[in-house]
Amino acid sequence: MRAVRFHGARDIRVEDVAEPSGKLAPDDVLIAPAVTGICGTDLHEYLAGPIVTPKEPHVYTGATNPQILGHEFSARVLAVGDAVSHVAAGDRISIQPLLSPRNDYYGKRGLFHLSPVMGCVGLSWAWGGMGEKAVIKDYNAQPVPDNITDDQAAMIEPAAVALYGVDRGGVTAGSTVLVSGAGPIGALTVLAAHAAGAALVIVSEPNPNRRRIIAEIAPYAIVVDPRSGDLAQVVADLTEEGVGVDVALECVGLEASLNACVTAVRRQGRVVQVGLHMKPASIDAMLWALKDITVEATWCYPTQIWPRIARMIAAGNFPVEKVITARIDAKDVVAKGFEALLDPAGEHLKILVTT
């Protein structure tokens, strides 16, 4: 079968590999992936990997590179193991890609995303979404309503990252919100904040193409170029008595962005770290104290969030498909996928791949 495999930095190949074979384990699900999103984590692997993909056998899954990529995807069920009852052959699903023990400290508490040995389909598992077939565990297979498209189902995984950040920020009806960064996660965070009832959504984004895209998909948002003026003053001008926003969501993973969020949030406001930092950040801890703020950090998402997001999408409250800017065939995954997303002058946010 055809599959997109990561071998090393700048070395992603479309190859012919063996299909899954043998009898399924009782809790296995055999699937045919439909569409798969290219994630920022995939881009990091392409640029500087292996980072997350395993050079040595993964401590929990045993997987090693070369890795079939793809952890944001939808699929159709082909067959199920004897113990699987919640999905059947022919069902359409969204993949919740996290793999972890059910019986360790975190697993026993339902905090599966916090297991220190967690693996991930498409990053540290034998299979991934950018292959014609894959095997996943029963808990990875999340049924979706009939009125959700394959594209929308593939977007539930990145949407989960965004919605978890909005949840941790306590965004509710009438909240004032700053989203720093309008990449794929930032754009989904804007949509999630709006779905949660935010009355004011300010977006800080230096890239002109991303500013254009977010203005198109979220016309209610006020989009600011942080390089062209004083972001803090813009936020002050737009908030009651100039106090700042209730919640600031950092979706870039950069020191300057985090500190801008701290400056923009009101006293006793909340800053949520959604973007992943690749290096330590210097912060003004005294300012945190003087403003009496809460700083939340997020890692992945609670896996139980899938049905909620599916309902939001089905109801039209969370139009995740608006973030998709291209759909490509796997044969073009490097030139029209990875390289296109890495182009600083490029016009793409989320690219979906069909194998």
Protein backbone atom coordinates (compact mmCIF):
# COMPACT_ATOMS: atom_id res chain seq x y z
CA MET A 1 0.00 0.00 0.00
CA ARG A 2 1.04 3.63 -0.44
CA ALA A 3 2.23 5.50 2.65
CA VAL A 4 3.99 8.75 3.53
CA ARG A 5 6.92 7.91 5.83
CA PHE A 6 9.30 10.08 7.84
CA HIS A 7 12.92 8.89 7.68
CA GLY A 8 14.77 11.94 8.98
CA ALA A 9 15.11 15.70 8.67
CA ARG A 10 14.04 16.83 5.17
CA ASP A 11 13.53 13.15 4.31
CA ILE A 12 9.87 12.27 3.86
CA ARG A 13 9.11 9.63 1.24
CA VAL A 14 6.01 8.26 -0.45
CA GLU A 15 6.66 4.52 -0.38
CA ASP A 16 5.03 1.17 -0.99
CA VAL A 17 4.80 -0.68 2.33
CA ALA A 18 3.13 -3.88 3.49
CA GLU A 19 -0.51 -3.65 4.53
CA PRO A 20 -1.57 -4.61 8.06
CA SER A 21 -1.84 -8.38 8.16
CA GLY A 22 -2.72 -11.16 10.56
CA LYS A 23 -5.61 -11.54 12.96
CA LEU A 24 -6.73 -8.40 14.76
CA ALA A 25 -6.26 -8.27 18.52
CA PRO A 26 -9.58 -8.15 20.42
CA ASP A 27 -9.30 -4.37 20.89
CA ASP A 28 -7.94 -3.56 17.40
CA VAL A 29 -9.72 -1.64 14.65
CA LEU A 30 -8.62 -1.90 11.01
CA ILE A 31 -9.31 1.32 9.12
CA ALA A 32 -8.94 3.03 5.76
CA PRO A 33 -7.87 6.66 6.35
CA ALA A 34 -9.88 9.24 4.40
CA VAL A 35 -8.06 12.58 4.77
CA THR A 36 -5.20 13.64 7.01
CA GLY A 37 -4.02 17.07 8.13
CA ILE A 38 -0.37 18.13 8.22
CA CYS A 39 0.30 19.32 11.77
CA GLY A 40 2.90 21.70 13.18
CA THR A 41 4.47 18.71 14.93
CA ASP A 42 4.91 17.04 11.52
CA LEU A 43 6.59 20.23 10.27
CA HIS A 44 8.99 20.23 13.22
CA GLU A 45 9.91 16.62 12.46
CA TYR A 46 10.50 17.49 8.81
CA LEU A 47 12.73 20.43 9.70
CA ALA A 48 14.75 19.03 12.60
CA GLY A 49 13.62 15.50 13.42
CA PRO A 50 13.57 12.99 14.73
CA ILE A 51 12.13 14.84 17.75
CA VAL A 52 8.94 13.02 18.67
CA THR A 53 9.22 10.15 16.20
CA PRO A 54 11.24 7.34 17.84
CA LYS A 55 14.84 6.57 16.93
CA GLU A 56 14.72 3.66 19.39
CA PRO A 57 11.68 1.48 20.11
CA HIS A 58 9.05 3.61 21.84
CA VAL A 59 8.74 2.79 25.53
CA TYR A 60 5.02 2.02 25.25
CA THR A 61 4.22 1.20 21.62
CA GLY A 62 7.55 -0.25 20.48
CA ALA A 63 7.40 1.76 17.24
CA THR A 64 10.54 3.00 15.49
CA ASN A 65 11.30 5.14 12.47
CA PRO A 66 10.61 5.20 9.58
CA GLN A 67 7.23 6.43 10.75
CA ILE A 68 4.02 6.62 8.72
CA LEU A 69 2.90 10.18 9.42
CA GLY A 70 -0.55 11.52 10.16
CA HIS A 71 -2.32 11.98 13.49
CA GLU A 72 -5.09 14.39 12.42
CA PHE A 73 -7.37 12.21 10.32
CA SER A 74 -10.71 10.67 9.55
CA ALA A 75 -11.28 7.12 8.36
CA ARG A 76 -13.72 4.34 7.52
CA VAL A 77 -13.77 1.16 9.60
CA LEU A 78 -12.86 -1.99 7.65
CA ALA A 79 -12.92 -4.59 10.44
CA VAL A 80 -12.90 -4.80 14.23
CA GLY A 81 -11.50 -7.14 16.87
CA ASP A 82 -13.76 -9.44 18.85
CA ALA A 83 -14.01 -7.11 21.85
CA VAL A 84 -14.94 -3.97 19.89
CA SER A 85 -18.63 -3.05 20.00
CA HIS A 86 -18.91 0.74 19.64
CA VAL A 87 -17.93 0.79 15.94
CA ALA A 88 -18.39 -1.67 13.10
CA ALA A 89 -17.24 -2.18 9.52
CA GLY A 90 -18.46 0.68 7.34
CA ASP A 91 -18.63 3.28 10.12
CA ARG A 92 -17.04 6.69 9.60
CA ILE A 93 -14.80 7.82 12.42
CA SER A 94 -12.46 10.53 13.63
CA ILE A 95 -9.20 9.31 15.14
CA GLN A 96 -8.29 10.30 18.68
CA PRO A 97 -4.59 9.46 18.24
CA LEU A 98 -3.22 9.28 21.79
CA LEU A 99 -2.11 5.86 23.05
CA SER A 100 -1.46 5.23 26.73
CA PRO A 101 -2.01 2.70 29.52
CA ARG A 102 -5.47 2.45 30.96
CA ASN A 103 -4.17 1.33 34.36
CA ASP A 104 -1.30 3.65 35.34
CA TYR A 105 -1.72 6.60 37.75
CA TYR A 106 -3.15 8.90 35.09
CA GLY A 107 -5.06 6.26 33.17
CA LYS A 108 -6.98 5.19 36.27
CA ARG A 109 -8.11 8.82 36.60
CA GLY A 110 -9.10 9.25 32.95
CA LEU A 111 -6.15 11.60 32.34
CA PHE A 112 -4.85 9.53 29.46
CA HIS A 113 -3.08 12.49 27.79
CA LEU A 114 -0.81 12.92 30.82
CA SER A 115 0.74 9.46 30.86
CA PRO A 116 4.56 9.77 30.82
CA VAL A 117 4.73 6.86 28.34
CA MET A 118 2.08 8.18 25.96
CA GLY A 119 2.46 7.39 22.28
CA CYS A 120 0.60 8.79 19.28
CA VAL A 121 -0.76 7.30 16.08
CA GLY A 122 1.19 8.83 13.21
CA LEU A 123 4.13 9.85 15.39
CA SER A 124 5.10 6.89 17.58
CA TRP A 125 2.94 3.98 16.42
CA ALA A 126 3.32 1.44 13.64
CA TRP A 127 0.62 3.15 11.58
CA GLY A 128 -0.54 6.63 10.65
CA GLY A 129 -3.17 8.50 8.71
CA MET A 130 -1.00 8.99 5.62
CA GLY A 131 -1.29 5.34 4.64
CA GLU A 132 -4.00 3.50 2.77
CA LYS A 133 -4.74 1.30 5.79
CA ALA A 134 -3.94 1.38 9.49
CA VAL A 135 -4.61 -0.44 12.73
CA ILE A 136 -5.63 1.51 15.82
CA LYS A 137 -6.96 0.66 19.26
CA ASP A 138 -10.68 0.68 20.05
CA TYR A 139 -10.44 3.89 22.09
CA ASN A 140 -8.79 5.68 19.13
CA ALA A 141 -11.89 5.15 17.00
CA GLN A 142 -14.41 7.94 17.64
CA PRO A 143 -17.73 7.70 15.75
CA VAL A 144 -18.98 10.90 14.10
CA PRO A 145 -22.48 12.03 13.09
CA ASP A 146 -23.58 11.47 9.50
CA ASN A 147 -23.78 15.23 8.86
CA ILE A 148 -20.06 15.73 9.53
CA THR A 149 -17.80 15.53 6.48
CA ASP A 150 -14.53 13.60 6.34
CA ASP A 151 -12.68 16.93 6.27
CA GLN A 152 -14.45 18.12 9.42
CA ALA A 153 -13.84 14.79 11.16
CA ALA A 154 -10.12 15.08 10.39
CA MET A 155 -10.10 18.55 11.97
CA ILE A 156 -11.40 17.38 15.36
CA GLU A 157 -7.88 16.61 16.63
CA PRO A 158 -6.42 20.12 16.17
CA ALA A 159 -9.77 21.59 17.22
CA ALA A 160 -9.40 19.67 20.50
CA VAL A 161 -6.12 21.49 21.22
CA ALA A 162 -7.81 24.84 20.63
CA LEU A 163 -10.99 24.11 22.59
CA TYR A 164 -9.01 22.75 25.54
CA GLY A 165 -7.14 26.06 25.72
CA VAL A 166 -10.40 28.00 25.61
CA ASP A 167 -11.80 25.75 28.34
CA ARG A 168 -8.75 26.26 30.55
CA GLY A 169 -9.10 30.00 30.07
CA GLY A 170 -12.67 29.91 31.29
CA VAL A 171 -13.92 31.76 28.22
CA THR A 172 -17.68 32.22 28.51
CA ALA A 173 -20.53 34.39 27.24
CA GLY A 174 -19.36 38.00 27.19
CA SER A 175 -15.65 37.31 27.71
CA THR A 176 -13.02 39.55 26.16
CA VAL A 177 -10.23 37.53 24.57
CA LEU A 178 -6.85 38.02 22.93
CA VAL A 179 -5.50 35.26 20.68
CA SER A 180 -1.80 35.68 19.97
CA GLY A 181 -0.94 33.94 16.71
CA ALA A 182 -3.23 33.04 13.81
CA GLY A 183 -1.65 29.83 12.63
CA PRO A 184 -3.86 26.72 12.41
CA ILE A 185 -4.22 26.35 16.19
CA GLY A 186 -4.62 30.09 16.69
CA ALA A 187 -7.31 30.24 14.00
CA LEU A 188 -9.16 27.32 15.57
CA THR A 189 -8.81 29.02 18.96
CA VAL A 190 -10.51 32.11 17.55
CA LEU A 191 -13.39 29.95 16.31
CA ALA A 192 -13.57 28.12 19.64
CA ALA A 193 -13.61 31.35 21.66
CA HIS A 194 -16.43 32.66 19.51
CA ALA A 195 -18.34 29.39 19.93
CA ALA A 196 -17.90 29.73 23.72
CA GLY A 197 -19.60 33.13 23.60
CA ALA A 198 -16.72 35.60 23.66
CA ALA A 199 -18.03 39.12 23.01
CA LEU A 200 -14.68 40.53 21.88
CA VAL A 201 -11.95 38.56 20.10
CA ILE A 202 -8.69 40.36 19.28
CA VAL A 203 -6.12 38.53 17.15
CA SER A 204 -2.44 39.48 17.08
CA GLU A 205 -0.63 38.19 14.00
CA PRO A 206 2.39 39.65 12.14
CA ASN A 207 1.99 37.58 8.96
CA PRO A 208 -0.15 39.49 6.42
CA ASN A 209 -1.49 36.34 4.74
CA ARG A 210 -2.61 34.92 8.05
CA ARG A 211 -4.21 38.24 8.98
CA ARG A 212 -6.11 38.13 5.69
CA ILE A 213 -7.26 34.55 6.25
CA ILE A 214 -8.42 35.11 9.83
CA ALA A 215 -10.29 38.26 8.76
CA GLU A 216 -12.09 36.18 6.14
CA ILE A 217 -12.99 33.19 8.32
CA ALA A 218 -13.73 35.18 11.50
CA PRO A 219 -15.09 38.59 10.43
CA TYR A 220 -16.13 39.32 14.03
CA ALA A 221 -12.48 39.33 15.14
CA ILE A 222 -10.37 42.48 15.39
CA VAL A 223 -7.06 41.63 13.72
CA VAL A 224 -3.91 43.50 14.72
CA ASP A 225 -0.36 43.53 13.38
CA PRO A 226 1.72 43.64 16.58
CA ARG A 227 4.66 45.17 14.69
CA SER A 228 2.72 48.21 13.51
CA GLY A 229 1.76 49.64 16.87
CA ASP A 230 1.31 49.10 20.56
CA LEU A 231 -0.75 45.94 21.02
CA ALA A 232 -1.33 46.75 24.68
CA GLN A 233 -2.77 50.15 23.72
CA VAL A 234 -5.04 48.58 21.11
CA VAL A 235 -6.29 46.12 23.75
CA ALA A 236 -6.77 48.95 26.26
CA ASP A 237 -8.76 50.99 23.75
CA LEU A 238 -11.10 48.05 23.13
CA THR A 239 -11.73 46.97 26.73
CA GLU A 240 -13.77 48.48 29.54
CA GLU A 241 -11.87 51.30 31.29
CA GLY A 242 -8.76 50.10 29.45
CA VAL A 243 -8.20 47.20 31.86
CA GLY A 244 -7.25 44.58 29.28
CA VAL A 245 -8.81 41.31 28.20
CA ASP A 246 -10.25 38.67 30.51
CA VAL A 247 -8.33 35.87 28.79
CA ALA A 248 -5.21 35.84 26.59
CA LEU A 249 -4.39 32.66 24.67
CA GLU A 250 -0.78 32.24 23.51
CA CYS A 251 -0.81 30.13 20.34
CA VAL A 252 2.69 30.73 18.97
CA GLY A 253 5.13 29.24 21.46
CA LEU A 254 7.42 32.27 21.56
CA GLU A 255 8.66 34.34 24.50
CA ALA A 256 7.57 37.66 23.00
CA SER A 257 4.08 36.33 22.39
CA LEU A 258 3.73 35.03 25.95
CA ASN A 259 4.89 38.31 27.43
CA ALA A 260 2.53 40.25 25.16
CA CYS A 261 -0.34 38.15 26.51
CA VAL A 262 0.67 38.91 30.10
CA THR A 263 0.77 42.62 29.31
CA ALA A 264 -2.60 42.55 27.55
CA VAL A 265 -4.57 40.63 30.16
CA ARG A 266 -6.41 42.49 32.96
CA ARG A 267 -5.56 42.09 36.64
CA GLN A 268 -6.78 38.71 37.86
CA GLY A 269 -7.16 37.72 34.25
CA ARG A 270 -6.02 34.41 32.81
CA VAL A 271 -3.21 33.60 30.36
CA VAL A 272 -3.31 30.21 28.66
CA GLN A 273 -0.20 28.69 27.06
CA VAL A 274 -1.49 26.75 24.05
CA GLY A 275 1.51 26.93 21.70
CA LEU A 276 4.51 24.70 22.42
CA HIS A 277 7.78 26.45 23.27
CA MET A 278 10.87 24.97 21.67
CA LYS A 279 13.21 26.75 24.10
CA PRO A 280 13.00 28.36 27.57
CA ALA A 281 11.28 31.73 27.81
CA SER A 282 12.27 34.67 30.01
CA ILE A 283 9.28 36.16 31.80
CA ASP A 284 8.59 39.04 34.19
CA ALA A 285 7.43 37.10 37.24
CA MET A 286 6.96 40.30 39.23
CA LEU A 287 4.45 41.54 36.65
CA TRP A 288 2.57 38.24 36.99
CA ALA A 289 2.41 38.85 40.73
CA LEU A 290 1.47 42.53 40.51
CA LYS A 291 -1.39 41.70 38.16
CA ASP A 292 -2.45 38.72 40.30
CA ILE A 293 -2.99 36.65 37.15
CA THR A 294 -3.50 32.95 36.58
CA VAL A 295 -1.25 31.28 34.01
CA GLU A 296 -2.45 27.96 32.63
CA ALA A 297 -0.42 25.57 30.52
CA THR A 298 -1.97 22.90 28.31
CA TRP A 299 -0.73 19.62 26.91
CA CYS A 300 -2.76 17.97 24.15
CA TYR A 301 -6.36 17.58 25.36
CA PRO A 302 -8.59 15.34 27.45
CA THR A 303 -9.49 12.50 25.11
CA GLN A 304 -13.14 12.61 26.20
CA ILE A 305 -13.57 15.92 24.31
CA TRP A 306 -14.21 14.24 20.91
CA PRO A 307 -18.02 13.79 21.06
CA ARG A 308 -18.46 17.36 22.30
CA ILE A 309 -16.52 18.81 19.36
CA ALA A 310 -18.38 16.57 16.93
CA ARG A 311 -21.68 17.93 18.28
CA MET A 312 -20.45 21.51 17.98
CA ILE A 313 -19.40 20.95 14.37
CA ALA A 314 -22.64 19.18 13.50
CA ALA A 315 -24.64 22.06 15.02
CA GLY A 316 -22.70 24.62 12.97
CA ASN A 317 -21.21 26.26 16.07
CA PHE A 318 -17.59 25.34 15.35
CA PRO A 319 -16.86 25.70 11.59
CA VAL A 320 -13.44 24.03 11.70
CA GLU A 321 -13.44 23.44 7.95
CA LYS A 322 -12.84 27.17 7.40
CA VAL A 323 -9.21 26.71 8.45
CA ILE A 324 -8.53 24.30 5.57
CA THR A 325 -6.76 26.08 2.71
CA ALA A 326 -5.78 23.17 0.42
CA ARG A 327 -6.36 19.49 -0.28
CA ILE A 328 -3.59 17.51 -1.98
CA ASP A 329 -2.70 13.97 -3.03
CA ALA A 330 -0.04 12.11 -1.06
CA LYS A 331 2.29 12.10 -4.06
CA ASP A 332 2.62 15.89 -3.67
CA VAL A 333 2.98 15.87 0.12
CA VAL A 334 6.47 17.38 0.25
CA ALA A 335 6.32 20.07 -2.45
CA LYS A 336 2.67 21.07 -2.09
CA GLY A 337 2.34 20.17 1.58
CA PHE A 338 5.35 20.54 3.86
CA GLU A 339 7.27 23.05 1.76
CA ALA A 340 4.13 25.10 1.06
CA LEU A 341 3.38 25.35 4.78
CA LEU A 342 6.96 26.35 5.57
CA ASP A 343 7.00 29.15 2.99
CA PRO A 344 6.85 32.41 5.01
CA ALA A 345 5.12 34.08 2.08
CA GLY A 346 2.75 31.15 1.64
CA GLU A 347 -1.01 31.38 1.76
CA HIS A 348 -1.87 28.19 3.63
CA LEU A 349 -3.00 27.33 7.15
CA LYS A 350 -4.15 23.72 7.08
CA ILE A 351 -3.47 21.29 4.22
CA LEU A 352 -5.29 17.95 4.05
CA VAL A 353 -3.69 14.93 2.39
CA THR A 354 -5.42 12.01 0.65
CA THR A 355 -3.53 8.72 0.32
